[in-house]
Amino acid sequence: MPRSDDLAEIIIGCKKGDAACFTRLLDIYASRCYGYFYRLTGNKTVSDDLLSELFVKLTEKIGSYKGGSFESWLFRIASNIFHDYLRSKHRRQKLLEAQKTQLDTETVEQKFSDGEMIDRLQVRLQRLDADARQLIMLRFYSDLSFKEIARMRREPIGTALSKLHRGLKKLRELMET
């Protein structure tokens, strides 16, 4: 572990874009951060990926470090990356479970084969305006919450909800034709 004066010099060099300083910072923290991720995930590949993401974020965000405990700052970023990973993993699992449930259950009144229904849905989705189509995809295929969608689109949550509702209503009408 470097002295605080040495670490301060390294950080200043990193803020200036000095590659040698970034290398020194990686040498100092890579094993600790990898260990942190590995203890959380129990998976070497995922830990490697999260570590890589951490150091990419570090190069992007080093300018926002304003002092205080560098380790706390670094591990806060690592923690955020891990939580993002968990949310992503949870979304993938929910999507897979929903697809499995959909495959396991058959509708009583099935007018079309599954393939035909998917084809019809895809054609009808293309008839919607781009905004409605994007909202439906974000909500039901990307499994984003209304709050996440509103934040991403930089609009009030009520606006996103009403646009999505109108889009779904239009899609239902199109599917009935």
C-alpha atoms as a PDB file:
ATOM      1  CA  MET A   1       0.000   0.000   0.000  1.00  0.00           C
ATOM      2  CA  PRO A   2       1.536   3.337  -0.997  1.00  0.00           C
ATOM      3  CA  ARG A   3       1.854   6.230   1.372  1.00  0.00           C
ATOM      4  CA  SER A   4      -0.896   8.827   1.110  1.00  0.00           C
ATOM      5  CA  ASP A   5       1.523  11.322  -0.488  1.00  0.00           C
ATOM      6  CA  ASP A   6       2.501   8.778  -3.140  1.00  0.00           C
ATOM      7  CA  LEU A   7      -1.132   7.908  -3.784  1.00  0.00           C
ATOM      8  CA  ALA A   8      -2.002  11.598  -4.140  1.00  0.00           C
ATOM      9  CA  GLU A   9       0.748  11.972  -6.758  1.00  0.00           C
ATOM     10  CA  ILE A  10      -0.505   8.930  -8.636  1.00  0.00           C
ATOM     11  CA  ILE A  11      -4.065  10.274  -8.640  1.00  0.00           C
ATOM     12  CA  ILE A  12      -2.910  13.682  -9.882  1.00  0.00           C
ATOM     13  CA  GLY A  13      -1.031  11.919 -12.682  1.00  0.00           C
ATOM     14  CA  CYS A  14      -4.137   9.898 -13.543  1.00  0.00           C
ATOM     15  CA  LYS A  15      -6.225  13.073 -13.708  1.00  0.00           C
ATOM     16  CA  LYS A  16      -3.666  14.437 -16.186  1.00  0.00           C
ATOM     17  CA  GLY A  17      -4.005  11.280 -18.294  1.00  0.00           C
ATOM     18  CA  ASP A  18      -0.595   9.795 -17.427  1.00  0.00           C
ATOM     19  CA  ALA A  19      -0.746   6.126 -18.481  1.00  0.00           C
ATOM     20  CA  ALA A  20       2.096   5.169 -16.129  1.00  0.00           C
ATOM     21  CA  CYS A  21       0.100   6.503 -13.170  1.00  0.00           C
ATOM     22  CA  PHE A  22      -2.959   4.486 -14.235  1.00  0.00           C
ATOM     23  CA  THR A  23      -0.753   1.404 -14.446  1.00  0.00           C
ATOM     24  CA  ARG A  24       0.538   2.023 -10.925  1.00  0.00           C
ATOM     25  CA  LEU A  25      -3.015   2.507  -9.660  1.00  0.00           C
ATOM     26  CA  LEU A  26      -4.063  -0.763 -11.298  1.00  0.00           C
ATOM     27  CA  ASP A  27      -1.089  -2.547  -9.752  1.00  0.00           C
ATOM     28  CA  ILE A  28      -2.076  -1.259  -6.317  1.00  0.00           C
ATOM     29  CA  TYR A  29      -5.816  -2.034  -6.412  1.00  0.00           C
ATOM     30  CA  ALA A  30      -6.427  -4.767  -9.004  1.00  0.00           C
ATOM     31  CA  SER A  31      -6.016  -7.747  -6.675  1.00  0.00           C
ATOM     32  CA  ARG A  32      -8.126  -6.215  -3.893  1.00  0.00           C
ATOM     33  CA  CYS A  33     -10.909  -5.245  -6.274  1.00  0.00           C
ATOM     34  CA  TYR A  34     -10.805  -8.640  -7.979  1.00  0.00           C
ATOM     35  CA  GLY A  35     -11.045 -10.297  -4.551  1.00  0.00           C
ATOM     36  CA  TYR A  36     -14.005  -8.086  -3.692  1.00  0.00           C
ATOM     37  CA  PHE A  37     -15.838  -9.078  -6.876  1.00  0.00           C
ATOM     38  CA  TYR A  38     -14.900 -12.738  -6.549  1.00  0.00           C
ATOM     39  CA  ARG A  39     -16.212 -12.921  -2.982  1.00  0.00           C
ATOM     40  CA  LEU A  40     -19.474 -11.385  -4.165  1.00  0.00           C
ATOM     41  CA  THR A  41     -19.959 -13.518  -7.284  1.00  0.00           C
ATOM     42  CA  GLY A  42     -17.948 -16.686  -6.733  1.00  0.00           C
ATOM     43  CA  ASN A  43     -17.246 -16.645 -10.464  1.00  0.00           C
ATOM     44  CA  LYS A  44     -13.817 -15.922 -11.977  1.00  0.00           C
ATOM     45  CA  THR A  45     -15.096 -14.861 -15.390  1.00  0.00           C
ATOM     46  CA  VAL A  46     -17.705 -12.497 -13.975  1.00  0.00           C
ATOM     47  CA  SER A  47     -15.132 -11.098 -11.539  1.00  0.00           C
ATOM     48  CA  ASP A  48     -12.716 -10.437 -14.414  1.00  0.00           C
ATOM     49  CA  ASP A  49     -15.470  -8.681 -16.370  1.00  0.00           C
ATOM     50  CA  LEU A  50     -16.510  -6.554 -13.398  1.00  0.00           C
ATOM     51  CA  LEU A  51     -12.878  -5.660 -12.689  1.00  0.00           C
ATOM     52  CA  SER A  52     -12.404  -4.559 -16.294  1.00  0.00           C
ATOM     53  CA  GLU A  53     -15.554  -2.478 -16.093  1.00  0.00           C
ATOM     54  CA  LEU A  54     -14.357  -0.927 -12.841  1.00  0.00           C
ATOM     55  CA  PHE A  55     -11.089   0.229 -14.350  1.00  0.00           C
ATOM     56  CA  VAL A  56     -12.841   1.606 -17.423  1.00  0.00           C
ATOM     57  CA  LYS A  57     -15.131   3.565 -15.077  1.00  0.00           C
ATOM     58  CA  LEU A  58     -12.098   4.639 -13.081  1.00  0.00           C
ATOM     59  CA  THR A  59     -10.480   6.182 -16.154  1.00  0.00           C
ATOM     60  CA  GLU A  60     -13.761   7.929 -17.006  1.00  0.00           C
ATOM     61  CA  LYS A  61     -14.485   9.195 -13.489  1.00  0.00           C
ATOM     62  CA  ILE A  62     -11.057   9.920 -11.992  1.00  0.00           C
ATOM     63  CA  GLY A  63     -11.634  13.609 -12.650  1.00  0.00           C
ATOM     64  CA  SER A  64     -14.626  13.577 -10.303  1.00  0.00           C
ATOM     65  CA  TYR A  65     -12.527  12.387  -7.346  1.00  0.00           C
ATOM     66  CA  LYS A  66     -12.356  15.396  -5.034  1.00  0.00           C
ATOM     67  CA  GLY A  67     -10.336  14.035  -2.144  1.00  0.00           C
ATOM     68  CA  GLY A  68     -11.090  12.043   0.957  1.00  0.00           C
ATOM     69  CA  SER A  69     -10.574   8.326   1.116  1.00  0.00           C
ATOM     70  CA  PHE A  70      -9.686   7.131  -2.374  1.00  0.00           C
ATOM     71  CA  GLU A  71     -10.417   3.532  -1.395  1.00  0.00           C
ATOM     72  CA  SER A  72     -13.936   4.436  -0.254  1.00  0.00           C
ATOM     73  CA  TRP A  73     -14.496   6.287  -3.512  1.00  0.00           C
ATOM     74  CA  LEU A  74     -13.130   3.381  -5.575  1.00  0.00           C
ATOM     75  CA  PHE A  75     -15.112   0.717  -3.735  1.00  0.00           C
ATOM     76  CA  ARG A  76     -18.294   2.803  -3.990  1.00  0.00           C
ATOM     77  CA  ILE A  77     -17.856   2.655  -7.779  1.00  0.00           C
ATOM     78  CA  ALA A  78     -17.128  -1.092  -7.521  1.00  0.00           C
ATOM     79  CA  SER A  79     -20.264  -1.551  -5.435  1.00  0.00           C
ATOM     80  CA  ASN A  80     -22.372   0.343  -7.986  1.00  0.00           C
ATOM     81  CA  ILE A  81     -20.966  -1.829 -10.787  1.00  0.00           C
ATOM     82  CA  PHE A  82     -21.818  -4.966  -8.815  1.00  0.00           C
ATOM     83  CA  HIS A  83     -25.381  -3.739  -8.172  1.00  0.00           C
ATOM     84  CA  ASP A  84     -25.781  -2.945 -11.882  1.00  0.00           C
ATOM     85  CA  TYR A  85     -24.612  -6.496 -12.619  1.00  0.00           C
ATOM     86  CA  LEU A  86     -27.181  -7.916 -10.172  1.00  0.00           C
ATOM     87  CA  ARG A  87     -30.002  -5.861 -11.699  1.00  0.00           C
ATOM     88  CA  SER A  88     -28.997  -7.009 -15.170  1.00  0.00           C
ATOM     89  CA  LYS A  89     -28.797 -10.619 -14.027  1.00  0.00           C
ATOM     90  CA  HIS A  90     -32.193 -10.333 -12.323  1.00  0.00           C
ATOM     91  CA  ARG A  91     -33.734  -8.879 -15.492  1.00  0.00           C
ATOM     92  CA  ARG A  92     -32.313 -11.708 -17.598  1.00  0.00           C
ATOM     93  CA  GLN A  93     -33.661 -14.296 -15.154  1.00  0.00           C
ATOM     94  CA  LYS A  94     -37.114 -12.686 -15.126  1.00  0.00           C
ATOM     95  CA  LEU A  95     -37.153 -12.596 -18.919  1.00  0.00           C
ATOM     96  CA  LEU A  96     -36.118 -16.252 -19.132  1.00  0.00           C
ATOM     97  CA  GLU A  97     -38.747 -17.231 -16.550  1.00  0.00           C
ATOM     98  CA  ALA A  98     -41.416 -15.286 -18.432  1.00  0.00           C
ATOM     99  CA  GLN A  99     -40.435 -16.954 -21.693  1.00  0.00           C
ATOM    100  CA  LYS A 100     -40.496 -20.363 -20.016  1.00  0.00           C
ATOM    101  CA  THR A 101     -43.923 -19.659 -18.522  1.00  0.00           C
ATOM    102  CA  GLN A 102     -45.175 -18.492 -21.883  1.00  0.00           C
ATOM    103  CA  LEU A 103     -43.891 -21.663 -23.532  1.00  0.00           C
ATOM    104  CA  ASP A 104     -45.315 -23.884 -20.787  1.00  0.00           C
ATOM    105  CA  THR A 105     -48.818 -22.432 -20.938  1.00  0.00           C
ATOM    106  CA  GLU A 106     -51.066 -22.698 -23.916  1.00  0.00           C
ATOM    107  CA  THR A 107     -54.047 -20.453 -24.432  1.00  0.00           C
ATOM    108  CA  VAL A 108     -57.463 -22.043 -24.599  1.00  0.00           C
ATOM    109  CA  GLU A 109     -58.548 -19.970 -27.587  1.00  0.00           C
ATOM    110  CA  GLN A 110     -55.516 -20.120 -29.796  1.00  0.00           C
ATOM    111  CA  LYS A 111     -56.464 -18.885 -33.262  1.00  0.00           C
ATOM    112  CA  PHE A 112     -52.945 -19.074 -34.649  1.00  0.00           C
ATOM    113  CA  SER A 113     -49.898 -21.212 -34.120  1.00  0.00           C
ATOM    114  CA  ASP A 114     -47.229 -19.661 -31.893  1.00  0.00           C
ATOM    115  CA  GLY A 115     -45.046 -18.839 -34.882  1.00  0.00           C
ATOM    116  CA  GLU A 116     -47.917 -17.152 -36.708  1.00  0.00           C
ATOM    117  CA  MET A 117     -48.821 -15.138 -33.595  1.00  0.00           C
ATOM    118  CA  ILE A 118     -45.246 -13.945 -33.177  1.00  0.00           C
ATOM    119  CA  ASP A 119     -45.146 -12.998 -36.856  1.00  0.00           C
ATOM    120  CA  ARG A 120     -48.432 -11.100 -36.520  1.00  0.00           C
ATOM    121  CA  LEU A 121     -47.181  -9.319 -33.422  1.00  0.00           C
ATOM    122  CA  GLN A 122     -43.951  -8.311 -35.146  1.00  0.00           C
ATOM    123  CA  VAL A 123     -45.867  -6.940 -38.155  1.00  0.00           C
ATOM    124  CA  ARG A 124     -48.306  -5.035 -35.916  1.00  0.00           C
ATOM    125  CA  LEU A 125     -45.458  -3.603 -33.824  1.00  0.00           C
ATOM    126  CA  GLN A 126     -43.936  -2.204 -37.012  1.00  0.00           C
ATOM    127  CA  ARG A 127     -47.217  -0.379 -37.717  1.00  0.00           C
ATOM    128  CA  LEU A 128     -46.939   1.579 -34.465  1.00  0.00           C
ATOM    129  CA  ASP A 129     -45.146   4.887 -34.393  1.00  0.00           C
ATOM    130  CA  ALA A 130     -41.494   4.650 -33.367  1.00  0.00           C
ATOM    131  CA  ASP A 131     -42.123   6.227 -29.948  1.00  0.00           C
ATOM    132  CA  ALA A 132     -44.826   3.736 -28.954  1.00  0.00           C
ATOM    133  CA  ARG A 133     -42.804   0.812 -30.317  1.00  0.00           C
ATOM    134  CA  GLN A 134     -39.739   1.926 -28.325  1.00  0.00           C
ATOM    135  CA  LEU A 135     -41.754   2.254 -25.103  1.00  0.00           C
ATOM    136  CA  ILE A 136     -43.250  -1.227 -25.516  1.00  0.00           C
ATOM    137  CA  MET A 137     -39.839  -2.733 -26.211  1.00  0.00           C
ATOM    138  CA  LEU A 138     -38.260  -0.985 -23.225  1.00  0.00           C
ATOM    139  CA  ARG A 139     -41.017  -2.075 -20.868  1.00  0.00           C
ATOM    140  CA  PHE A 140     -41.735  -5.625 -21.984  1.00  0.00           C
ATOM    141  CA  TYR A 141     -38.599  -6.825 -23.741  1.00  0.00           C
ATOM    142  CA  SER A 142     -35.939  -4.917 -21.817  1.00  0.00           C
ATOM    143  CA  ASP A 143     -37.970  -5.253 -18.593  1.00  0.00           C
ATOM    144  CA  LEU A 144     -37.288  -1.677 -17.493  1.00  0.00           C
ATOM    145  CA  SER A 145     -39.479  -0.123 -14.813  1.00  0.00           C
ATOM    146  CA  PHE A 146     -41.628   2.894 -15.653  1.00  0.00           C
ATOM    147  CA  LYS A 147     -39.349   5.012 -13.492  1.00  0.00           C
ATOM    148  CA  GLU A 148     -36.254   3.828 -15.407  1.00  0.00           C
ATOM    149  CA  ILE A 149     -37.961   4.473 -18.736  1.00  0.00           C
ATOM    150  CA  ALA A 150     -39.037   7.971 -17.718  1.00  0.00           C
ATOM    151  CA  ARG A 151     -35.554   8.808 -16.434  1.00  0.00           C
ATOM    152  CA  MET A 152     -33.911   7.441 -19.582  1.00  0.00           C
ATOM    153  CA  ARG A 153     -36.274   9.413 -21.842  1.00  0.00           C
ATOM    154  CA  ARG A 154     -36.012  12.522 -19.640  1.00  0.00           C
ATOM    155  CA  GLU A 155     -39.768  12.891 -19.325  1.00  0.00           C
ATOM    156  CA  PRO A 156     -42.224  12.734 -16.413  1.00  0.00           C
ATOM    157  CA  ILE A 157     -43.293   9.245 -15.417  1.00  0.00           C
ATOM    158  CA  GLY A 158     -46.949  10.121 -16.129  1.00  0.00           C
ATOM    159  CA  THR A 159     -46.078  11.057 -19.686  1.00  0.00           C
ATOM    160  CA  ALA A 160     -44.242   7.782 -20.237  1.00  0.00           C
ATOM    161  CA  LEU A 161     -47.148   5.825 -18.707  1.00  0.00           C
ATOM    162  CA  SER A 162     -49.780   7.515 -20.852  1.00  0.00           C
ATOM    163  CA  LYS A 163     -47.728   7.088 -24.045  1.00  0.00           C
ATOM    164  CA  LEU A 164     -47.200   3.411 -23.247  1.00  0.00           C
ATOM    165  CA  HIS A 165     -50.899   2.948 -22.473  1.00  0.00           C
ATOM    166  CA  ARG A 166     -51.882   4.541 -25.802  1.00  0.00           C
ATOM    167  CA  GLY A 167     -49.323   2.396 -27.629  1.00  0.00           C
ATOM    168  CA  LEU A 168     -50.626  -0.812 -26.034  1.00  0.00           C
ATOM    169  CA  LYS A 169     -54.209   0.164 -26.831  1.00  0.00           C
ATOM    170  CA  LYS A 170     -53.273   0.750 -30.471  1.00  0.00           C
ATOM    171  CA  LEU A 171     -51.364  -2.568 -30.578  1.00  0.00           C
ATOM    172  CA  ARG A 172     -54.420  -4.431 -29.188  1.00  0.00           C
ATOM    173  CA  GLU A 173     -56.587  -2.834 -31.872  1.00  0.00           C
ATOM    174  CA  LEU A 174     -54.104  -3.839 -34.558  1.00  0.00           C
ATOM    175  CA  MET A 175     -53.899  -7.405 -33.252  1.00  0.00           C
ATOM    176  CA  GLU A 176     -57.700  -7.772 -33.449  1.00  0.00           C
ATOM    177  CA  THR A 177     -57.757  -6.910 -37.156  1.00  0.00           C
END
